[in-house]
């Protein structure tokens, strides 16, 4: 174990002992410091609340909202129908259905032969 030199226990320069308090002997992490740190945050929040909603966040008319919803639903329906139609056409053009039918008929015939 290393010997610790004795002397100047209260000073910060020696690096030993408890640090001396500053700010007139008061603890800087006490309630007064918390209050000082929370006041700017409170001021910013209050300014944001009093400013009101931004123009982009303003509440739109109910009628325009309903119209836009119906337009979006109509467009969504068209998009889904188009994609579904393309998928069905692609399946019809591919040889996947024929291969699937052949595979199932072969399996069915094999099962018939076993029984």
C-alpha atoms as a PDB file:
ATOM      1  CA  UNK A   1       0.000   0.000   0.000  1.00  0.00           C
ATOM      2  CA  UNK A   2       1.310   3.411  -0.960  1.00  0.00           C
ATOM      3  CA  UNK A   3       1.843   6.013   1.720  1.00  0.00           C
ATOM      4  CA  UNK A   4      -0.233   9.171   1.352  1.00  0.00           C
ATOM      5  CA  UNK A   5       1.569  12.387   2.249  1.00  0.00           C
ATOM      6  CA  UNK A   6      -0.066  14.396   5.024  1.00  0.00           C
ATOM      7  CA  UNK A   7      -0.481  18.094   4.538  1.00  0.00           C
ATOM      8  CA  UNK A   8      -2.711  20.661   2.882  1.00  0.00           C
ATOM      9  CA  UNK A   9      -5.750  18.399   3.131  1.00  0.00           C
ATOM     10  CA  UNK A  10      -8.283  21.138   2.408  1.00  0.00           C
ATOM     11  CA  UNK A  11      -6.753  22.702  -0.678  1.00  0.00           C
ATOM     12  CA  UNK A  12      -7.554  21.745  -4.254  1.00  0.00           C
ATOM     13  CA  UNK A  13      -3.974  22.076  -5.422  1.00  0.00           C
ATOM     14  CA  UNK A  14      -2.778  18.983  -3.575  1.00  0.00           C
ATOM     15  CA  UNK A  15      -5.460  16.790  -5.147  1.00  0.00           C
ATOM     16  CA  UNK A  16      -6.291  15.209  -1.791  1.00  0.00           C
ATOM     17  CA  UNK A  17      -9.160  15.566   0.596  1.00  0.00           C
ATOM     18  CA  UNK A  18     -12.605  16.941  -0.098  1.00  0.00           C
ATOM     19  CA  UNK A  19     -12.796  19.842  -2.550  1.00  0.00           C
ATOM     20  CA  UNK A  20     -13.451  23.241  -1.073  1.00  0.00           C
ATOM     21  CA  UNK A  21     -16.805  24.780  -1.775  1.00  0.00           C
ATOM     22  CA  UNK A  22     -17.117  27.806  -3.966  1.00  0.00           C
ATOM     23  CA  UNK A  23     -19.935  30.295  -4.474  1.00  0.00           C
ATOM     24  CA  UNK A  24     -19.641  31.737  -0.989  1.00  0.00           C
ATOM     25  CA  UNK A  25     -19.652  28.384   0.756  1.00  0.00           C
ATOM     26  CA  UNK A  26     -22.972  27.298  -0.794  1.00  0.00           C
ATOM     27  CA  UNK A  27     -23.466  24.032  -2.605  1.00  0.00           C
ATOM     28  CA  UNK A  28     -23.710  24.748  -6.386  1.00  0.00           C
ATOM     29  CA  UNK A  29     -25.998  21.768  -6.961  1.00  0.00           C
ATOM     30  CA  UNK A  30     -28.605  22.882  -4.475  1.00  0.00           C
ATOM     31  CA  UNK A  31     -32.141  24.122  -5.083  1.00  0.00           C
ATOM     32  CA  UNK A  32     -30.993  27.624  -6.061  1.00  0.00           C
ATOM     33  CA  UNK A  33     -28.841  26.247  -8.904  1.00  0.00           C
ATOM     34  CA  UNK A  34     -31.695  24.056 -10.097  1.00  0.00           C
ATOM     35  CA  UNK A  35     -33.982  27.076 -10.166  1.00  0.00           C
ATOM     36  CA  UNK A  36     -31.418  29.117 -12.075  1.00  0.00           C
ATOM     37  CA  UNK A  37     -31.035  26.356 -14.671  1.00  0.00           C
ATOM     38  CA  UNK A  38     -34.774  25.743 -15.071  1.00  0.00           C
ATOM     39  CA  UNK A  39     -35.771  29.380 -15.643  1.00  0.00           C
ATOM     40  CA  UNK A  40     -34.369  29.626 -19.234  1.00  0.00           C
ATOM     41  CA  UNK A  41     -36.030  26.341 -20.154  1.00  0.00           C
ATOM     42  CA  UNK A  42     -39.332  27.596 -18.777  1.00  0.00           C
ATOM     43  CA  UNK A  43     -38.966  30.859 -20.729  1.00  0.00           C
ATOM     44  CA  UNK A  44     -38.378  29.023 -24.013  1.00  0.00           C
ATOM     45  CA  UNK A  45     -41.363  26.724 -23.467  1.00  0.00           C
ATOM     46  CA  UNK A  46     -43.585  29.668 -22.578  1.00  0.00           C
ATOM     47  CA  UNK A  47     -42.486  31.538 -25.714  1.00  0.00           C
ATOM     48  CA  UNK A  48     -43.282  28.508 -27.876  1.00  0.00           C
ATOM     49  CA  UNK A  49     -46.737  28.129 -26.340  1.00  0.00           C
ATOM     50  CA  UNK A  50     -47.608  31.809 -26.675  1.00  0.00           C
ATOM     51  CA  UNK A  51     -46.411  31.914 -30.281  1.00  0.00           C
ATOM     52  CA  UNK A  52     -49.285  29.672 -31.353  1.00  0.00           C
ATOM     53  CA  UNK A  53     -49.407  27.106 -34.126  1.00  0.00           C
ATOM     54  CA  UNK A  54     -47.217  27.533 -37.157  1.00  0.00           C
ATOM     55  CA  UNK A  55     -49.016  28.262 -40.459  1.00  0.00           C
ATOM     56  CA  UNK A  56     -48.360  24.726 -41.683  1.00  0.00           C
ATOM     57  CA  UNK A  57     -49.933  23.353 -38.518  1.00  0.00           C
ATOM     58  CA  UNK A  58     -53.077  25.477 -38.692  1.00  0.00           C
ATOM     59  CA  UNK A  59     -56.282  23.467 -38.561  1.00  0.00           C
ATOM     60  CA  UNK A  60     -57.756  22.992 -42.056  1.00  0.00           C
ATOM     61  CA  UNK A  61     -61.464  23.206 -42.867  1.00  0.00           C
ATOM     62  CA  UNK A  62     -63.512  20.106 -42.187  1.00  0.00           C
ATOM     63  CA  UNK A  63     -64.984  20.152 -45.694  1.00  0.00           C
ATOM     64  CA  UNK A  64     -61.584  20.385 -47.382  1.00  0.00           C
ATOM     65  CA  UNK A  65     -60.328  17.569 -45.175  1.00  0.00           C
ATOM     66  CA  UNK A  66     -63.250  15.336 -46.174  1.00  0.00           C
ATOM     67  CA  UNK A  67     -62.727  16.146 -49.849  1.00  0.00           C
ATOM     68  CA  UNK A  68     -59.041  15.350 -49.679  1.00  0.00           C
ATOM     69  CA  UNK A  69     -59.750  12.081 -47.862  1.00  0.00           C
ATOM     70  CA  UNK A  70     -62.249  10.989 -50.511  1.00  0.00           C
ATOM     71  CA  UNK A  71     -59.799  11.921 -53.286  1.00  0.00           C
ATOM     72  CA  UNK A  72     -57.005   9.987 -51.598  1.00  0.00           C
ATOM     73  CA  UNK A  73     -59.224   6.927 -51.123  1.00  0.00           C
ATOM     74  CA  UNK A  74     -60.299   7.044 -54.770  1.00  0.00           C
ATOM     75  CA  UNK A  75     -56.686   7.283 -55.916  1.00  0.00           C
ATOM     76  CA  UNK A  76     -55.709   4.442 -53.565  1.00  0.00           C
ATOM     77  CA  UNK A  77     -58.494   2.271 -55.008  1.00  0.00           C
ATOM     78  CA  UNK A  78     -57.320   2.940 -58.552  1.00  0.00           C
ATOM     79  CA  UNK A  79     -53.718   2.163 -57.656  1.00  0.00           C
ATOM     80  CA  UNK A  80     -54.623  -1.110 -55.955  1.00  0.00           C
ATOM     81  CA  UNK A  81     -56.839  -2.160 -58.886  1.00  0.00           C
ATOM     82  CA  UNK A  82     -54.086  -1.386 -61.395  1.00  0.00           C
ATOM     83  CA  UNK A  83     -51.453  -3.313 -59.433  1.00  0.00           C
ATOM     84  CA  UNK A  84     -53.783  -6.268 -58.916  1.00  0.00           C
ATOM     85  CA  UNK A  85     -54.651  -6.358 -62.612  1.00  0.00           C
ATOM     86  CA  UNK A  86     -50.969  -6.290 -63.577  1.00  0.00           C
ATOM     87  CA  UNK A  87     -50.203  -9.106 -61.126  1.00  0.00           C
ATOM     88  CA  UNK A  88     -53.028 -11.271 -62.517  1.00  0.00           C
ATOM     89  CA  UNK A  89     -51.860 -10.638 -66.102  1.00  0.00           C
ATOM     90  CA  UNK A  90     -48.305 -11.553 -65.182  1.00  0.00           C
ATOM     91  CA  UNK A  91     -49.475 -14.799 -63.582  1.00  0.00           C
ATOM     92  CA  UNK A  92     -51.575 -15.639 -66.642  1.00  0.00           C
ATOM     93  CA  UNK A  93     -48.607 -15.033 -68.943  1.00  0.00           C
ATOM     94  CA  UNK A  94     -46.178 -17.108 -66.877  1.00  0.00           C
ATOM     95  CA  UNK A  95     -45.970 -20.895 -66.892  1.00  0.00           C
ATOM     96  CA  UNK A  96     -46.308 -21.063 -63.111  1.00  0.00           C
ATOM     97  CA  UNK A  97     -49.997 -22.126 -63.108  1.00  0.00           C
ATOM     98  CA  UNK A  98     -49.332 -24.897 -65.617  1.00  0.00           C
ATOM     99  CA  UNK A  99     -46.334 -26.182 -63.658  1.00  0.00           C
ATOM    100  CA  UNK A 100     -48.352 -26.082 -60.453  1.00  0.00           C
ATOM    101  CA  UNK A 101     -51.240 -28.034 -62.006  1.00  0.00           C
ATOM    102  CA  UNK A 102     -48.802 -30.615 -63.405  1.00  0.00           C
ATOM    103  CA  UNK A 103     -47.051 -31.011 -60.059  1.00  0.00           C
ATOM    104  CA  UNK A 104     -50.341 -31.502 -58.176  1.00  0.00           C
ATOM    105  CA  UNK A 105     -51.612 -34.011 -60.754  1.00  0.00           C
ATOM    106  CA  UNK A 106     -48.315 -35.970 -60.527  1.00  0.00           C
ATOM    107  CA  UNK A 107     -48.507 -36.040 -56.737  1.00  0.00           C
ATOM    108  CA  UNK A 108     -52.139 -37.114 -56.874  1.00  0.00           C
ATOM    109  CA  UNK A 109     -51.306 -39.918 -59.300  1.00  0.00           C
ATOM    110  CA  UNK A 110     -48.431 -41.105 -57.085  1.00  0.00           C
ATOM    111  CA  UNK A 111     -50.736 -41.196 -54.072  1.00  0.00           C
ATOM    112  CA  UNK A 112     -53.329 -43.147 -56.099  1.00  0.00           C
ATOM    113  CA  UNK A 113     -50.701 -45.712 -57.060  1.00  0.00           C
ATOM    114  CA  UNK A 114     -49.598 -46.195 -53.462  1.00  0.00           C
ATOM    115  CA  UNK A 115     -53.137 -46.849 -52.272  1.00  0.00           C
END
